[in-house]
């Protein structure tokens, strides 16, 4: 975290809030311009769904399960950098800080993607299929 703070110094208003309790996370989306998860290894992560549902663009690493599953798509609804690529992370941060249009474009695509991927009818069908399979039918 200290390294990111050093890299961000003098590059605009960037706030590193650190750990946020789970029940408070959603309240932060309205106050932010984008969501960053520079994780080395991350499961799917509900935070991606929350950020995208709130229309926020995402910066994440290719170590995230959300990238492997196709939720976070580089250049469409997210900026994806390689795990450990500090220069790439900084470049992605700079791109989003510098461009309100890019933030709006990625955020809008992300919001629509989540609505399509997790619409009520398809989720119900997937759950129903899972239970059919579980029950042997």
C-alpha atoms as a PDB file:
ATOM      1  CA  UNK A   1       0.000   0.000   0.000  1.00  0.00           C
ATOM      2  CA  UNK A   2       2.788   2.448   0.806  1.00  0.00           C
ATOM      3  CA  UNK A   3       4.294   1.938  -2.642  1.00  0.00           C
ATOM      4  CA  UNK A   4       0.984   2.778  -4.328  1.00  0.00           C
ATOM      5  CA  UNK A   5       0.618   5.845  -2.122  1.00  0.00           C
ATOM      6  CA  UNK A   6       4.105   6.972  -3.148  1.00  0.00           C
ATOM      7  CA  UNK A   7       3.299   6.435  -6.826  1.00  0.00           C
ATOM      8  CA  UNK A   8       0.046   8.399  -6.480  1.00  0.00           C
ATOM      9  CA  UNK A   9       1.586  11.384  -4.721  1.00  0.00           C
ATOM     10  CA  UNK A  10       1.165  14.518  -6.822  1.00  0.00           C
ATOM     11  CA  UNK A  11      -1.128  12.839  -9.378  1.00  0.00           C
ATOM     12  CA  UNK A  12      -4.480  14.315  -8.382  1.00  0.00           C
ATOM     13  CA  UNK A  13      -6.874  13.542  -5.561  1.00  0.00           C
ATOM     14  CA  UNK A  14      -6.368   9.854  -4.882  1.00  0.00           C
ATOM     15  CA  UNK A  15      -7.550   8.470  -1.543  1.00  0.00           C
ATOM     16  CA  UNK A  16      -6.463   5.078  -0.270  1.00  0.00           C
ATOM     17  CA  UNK A  17      -9.068   4.080   2.286  1.00  0.00           C
ATOM     18  CA  UNK A  18      -7.449   0.750   3.134  1.00  0.00           C
ATOM     19  CA  UNK A  19      -9.602  -1.970   4.625  1.00  0.00           C
ATOM     20  CA  UNK A  20     -13.311  -1.201   4.579  1.00  0.00           C
ATOM     21  CA  UNK A  21     -15.655  -3.471   6.560  1.00  0.00           C
ATOM     22  CA  UNK A  22     -17.852  -5.545   4.276  1.00  0.00           C
ATOM     23  CA  UNK A  23     -21.105  -3.901   5.377  1.00  0.00           C
ATOM     24  CA  UNK A  24     -19.703  -0.443   4.500  1.00  0.00           C
ATOM     25  CA  UNK A  25     -18.236  -1.152   1.058  1.00  0.00           C
ATOM     26  CA  UNK A  26     -21.308  -0.402  -1.048  1.00  0.00           C
ATOM     27  CA  UNK A  27     -21.587   3.066   0.477  1.00  0.00           C
ATOM     28  CA  UNK A  28     -18.173   3.966  -0.939  1.00  0.00           C
ATOM     29  CA  UNK A  29     -19.109   3.481  -4.594  1.00  0.00           C
ATOM     30  CA  UNK A  30     -21.042   6.740  -4.816  1.00  0.00           C
ATOM     31  CA  UNK A  31     -18.005   8.675  -3.592  1.00  0.00           C
ATOM     32  CA  UNK A  32     -15.496   7.077  -5.927  1.00  0.00           C
ATOM     33  CA  UNK A  33     -14.624   7.524  -9.587  1.00  0.00           C
ATOM     34  CA  UNK A  34     -13.423   3.945 -10.080  1.00  0.00           C
ATOM     35  CA  UNK A  35     -12.674   0.703  -8.247  1.00  0.00           C
ATOM     36  CA  UNK A  36      -9.156  -0.747  -8.010  1.00  0.00           C
ATOM     37  CA  UNK A  37      -8.306  -4.259  -6.875  1.00  0.00           C
ATOM     38  CA  UNK A  38      -4.566  -4.904  -7.363  1.00  0.00           C
ATOM     39  CA  UNK A  39      -4.822  -8.390  -5.874  1.00  0.00           C
ATOM     40  CA  UNK A  40      -2.246 -11.088  -6.555  1.00  0.00           C
ATOM     41  CA  UNK A  41      -4.860 -13.792  -6.218  1.00  0.00           C
ATOM     42  CA  UNK A  42      -8.557 -13.076  -5.928  1.00  0.00           C
ATOM     43  CA  UNK A  43     -11.653 -15.190  -6.117  1.00  0.00           C
ATOM     44  CA  UNK A  44     -14.594 -13.957  -8.136  1.00  0.00           C
ATOM     45  CA  UNK A  45     -15.348 -11.179  -5.682  1.00  0.00           C
ATOM     46  CA  UNK A  46     -18.745  -9.625  -5.065  1.00  0.00           C
ATOM     47  CA  UNK A  47     -17.027  -6.229  -5.025  1.00  0.00           C
ATOM     48  CA  UNK A  48     -16.632  -6.384  -8.818  1.00  0.00           C
ATOM     49  CA  UNK A  49     -20.375  -6.904  -9.215  1.00  0.00           C
ATOM     50  CA  UNK A  50     -21.112  -4.100  -6.775  1.00  0.00           C
ATOM     51  CA  UNK A  51     -18.714  -1.645  -8.427  1.00  0.00           C
ATOM     52  CA  UNK A  52     -19.981  -2.416 -11.908  1.00  0.00           C
ATOM     53  CA  UNK A  53     -23.614  -2.304 -10.791  1.00  0.00           C
ATOM     54  CA  UNK A  54     -22.893   1.180  -9.458  1.00  0.00           C
ATOM     55  CA  UNK A  55     -21.518   2.137 -12.893  1.00  0.00           C
ATOM     56  CA  UNK A  56     -17.904   2.333 -11.763  1.00  0.00           C
ATOM     57  CA  UNK A  57     -15.048   1.261 -14.013  1.00  0.00           C
ATOM     58  CA  UNK A  58     -12.675  -1.334 -12.615  1.00  0.00           C
ATOM     59  CA  UNK A  59      -8.913  -1.718 -12.543  1.00  0.00           C
ATOM     60  CA  UNK A  60      -7.890  -5.241 -11.638  1.00  0.00           C
ATOM     61  CA  UNK A  61      -5.148  -7.783 -12.181  1.00  0.00           C
ATOM     62  CA  UNK A  62      -5.226 -10.800 -14.421  1.00  0.00           C
ATOM     63  CA  UNK A  63      -5.016 -12.906 -11.249  1.00  0.00           C
ATOM     64  CA  UNK A  64      -8.683 -12.215 -10.511  1.00  0.00           C
ATOM     65  CA  UNK A  65     -11.285 -14.915 -11.069  1.00  0.00           C
ATOM     66  CA  UNK A  66     -13.552 -12.191 -12.443  1.00  0.00           C
ATOM     67  CA  UNK A  67     -11.146 -11.829 -15.389  1.00  0.00           C
ATOM     68  CA  UNK A  68     -10.980 -15.578 -16.057  1.00  0.00           C
ATOM     69  CA  UNK A  69     -14.791 -15.791 -15.962  1.00  0.00           C
ATOM     70  CA  UNK A  70     -15.237 -12.903 -18.379  1.00  0.00           C
ATOM     71  CA  UNK A  71     -16.818 -10.475 -15.928  1.00  0.00           C
ATOM     72  CA  UNK A  72     -13.912  -8.008 -16.166  1.00  0.00           C
ATOM     73  CA  UNK A  73     -12.974  -7.499 -19.815  1.00  0.00           C
ATOM     74  CA  UNK A  74      -9.884  -5.424 -20.541  1.00  0.00           C
ATOM     75  CA  UNK A  75     -10.703  -2.283 -22.475  1.00  0.00           C
ATOM     76  CA  UNK A  76     -14.448  -2.911 -22.409  1.00  0.00           C
ATOM     77  CA  UNK A  77     -15.528  -2.577 -18.778  1.00  0.00           C
ATOM     78  CA  UNK A  78     -12.203  -2.772 -16.963  1.00  0.00           C
ATOM     79  CA  UNK A  79      -8.517  -2.126 -17.262  1.00  0.00           C
ATOM     80  CA  UNK A  80      -6.668  -5.362 -16.559  1.00  0.00           C
ATOM     81  CA  UNK A  81      -2.977  -5.380 -15.639  1.00  0.00           C
ATOM     82  CA  UNK A  82      -0.649  -8.296 -14.997  1.00  0.00           C
ATOM     83  CA  UNK A  83      -0.061  -9.339 -11.412  1.00  0.00           C
ATOM     84  CA  UNK A  84       2.973  -7.475 -10.076  1.00  0.00           C
ATOM     85  CA  UNK A  85       3.081  -4.961 -12.949  1.00  0.00           C
ATOM     86  CA  UNK A  86       3.404  -1.756 -10.940  1.00  0.00           C
ATOM     87  CA  UNK A  87       4.076   0.362 -14.029  1.00  0.00           C
ATOM     88  CA  UNK A  88       0.967  -1.058 -15.719  1.00  0.00           C
ATOM     89  CA  UNK A  89      -1.112  -0.381 -12.622  1.00  0.00           C
ATOM     90  CA  UNK A  90       0.149   3.191 -12.491  1.00  0.00           C
ATOM     91  CA  UNK A  91      -0.608   3.658 -16.198  1.00  0.00           C
ATOM     92  CA  UNK A  92      -4.162   2.352 -15.707  1.00  0.00           C
ATOM     93  CA  UNK A  93      -4.663   4.679 -12.739  1.00  0.00           C
ATOM     94  CA  UNK A  94      -3.365   7.614 -14.765  1.00  0.00           C
ATOM     95  CA  UNK A  95      -5.686   6.790 -17.684  1.00  0.00           C
ATOM     96  CA  UNK A  96      -8.777   6.771 -15.495  1.00  0.00           C
ATOM     97  CA  UNK A  97      -7.770   9.836 -13.490  1.00  0.00           C
ATOM     98  CA  UNK A  98      -7.139  11.757 -16.725  1.00  0.00           C
ATOM     99  CA  UNK A  99     -10.270  10.780 -18.645  1.00  0.00           C
ATOM    100  CA  UNK A 100     -13.794  11.295 -17.402  1.00  0.00           C
ATOM    101  CA  UNK A 101     -15.004   9.960 -20.776  1.00  0.00           C
ATOM    102  CA  UNK A 102     -13.107   6.682 -20.355  1.00  0.00           C
ATOM    103  CA  UNK A 103     -14.488   6.294 -16.821  1.00  0.00           C
ATOM    104  CA  UNK A 104     -18.036   6.832 -18.106  1.00  0.00           C
ATOM    105  CA  UNK A 105     -17.533   4.439 -21.042  1.00  0.00           C
ATOM    106  CA  UNK A 106     -16.039   1.596 -18.981  1.00  0.00           C
ATOM    107  CA  UNK A 107     -18.534   2.156 -16.149  1.00  0.00           C
ATOM    108  CA  UNK A 108     -21.517   2.100 -18.513  1.00  0.00           C
ATOM    109  CA  UNK A 109     -20.302  -1.049 -20.260  1.00  0.00           C
ATOM    110  CA  UNK A 110     -19.718  -2.707 -16.883  1.00  0.00           C
ATOM    111  CA  UNK A 111     -23.178  -1.835 -15.626  1.00  0.00           C
ATOM    112  CA  UNK A 112     -24.832  -3.222 -18.766  1.00  0.00           C
ATOM    113  CA  UNK A 113     -22.619  -6.341 -18.680  1.00  0.00           C
ATOM    114  CA  UNK A 114     -23.654  -7.161 -15.108  1.00  0.00           C
ATOM    115  CA  UNK A 115     -27.328  -6.630 -15.946  1.00  0.00           C
ATOM    116  CA  UNK A 116     -27.045  -8.974 -18.934  1.00  0.00           C
ATOM    117  CA  UNK A 117     -24.919 -11.617 -17.225  1.00  0.00           C
ATOM    118  CA  UNK A 118     -26.974 -11.681 -14.033  1.00  0.00           C
ATOM    119  CA  UNK A 119     -30.498 -10.909 -15.178  1.00  0.00           C
ATOM    120  CA  UNK A 120     -33.190 -12.520 -13.067  1.00  0.00           C
ATOM    121  CA  UNK A 121     -34.404 -15.059 -15.630  1.00  0.00           C
ATOM    122  CA  UNK A 122     -30.959 -16.437 -16.446  1.00  0.00           C
ATOM    123  CA  UNK A 123     -29.965 -16.672 -12.780  1.00  0.00           C
ATOM    124  CA  UNK A 124     -33.164 -18.546 -11.923  1.00  0.00           C
ATOM    125  CA  UNK A 125     -32.560 -20.925 -14.836  1.00  0.00           C
ATOM    126  CA  UNK A 126     -28.959 -21.586 -13.766  1.00  0.00           C
ATOM    127  CA  UNK A 127     -30.042 -22.300 -10.179  1.00  0.00           C
ATOM    128  CA  UNK A 128     -32.828 -24.535 -11.437  1.00  0.00           C
ATOM    129  CA  UNK A 129     -30.387 -26.419 -13.701  1.00  0.00           C
ATOM    130  CA  UNK A 130     -27.991 -26.866 -10.792  1.00  0.00           C
ATOM    131  CA  UNK A 131     -30.730 -28.367  -8.619  1.00  0.00           C
ATOM    132  CA  UNK A 132     -31.876 -30.637 -11.473  1.00  0.00           C
ATOM    133  CA  UNK A 133     -28.315 -31.867 -11.862  1.00  0.00           C
ATOM    134  CA  UNK A 134     -27.903 -32.268  -8.100  1.00  0.00           C
ATOM    135  CA  UNK A 135     -31.136 -34.250  -7.869  1.00  0.00           C
ATOM    136  CA  UNK A 136     -30.036 -36.461 -10.752  1.00  0.00           C
ATOM    137  CA  UNK A 137     -32.645 -35.253 -13.243  1.00  0.00           C
END
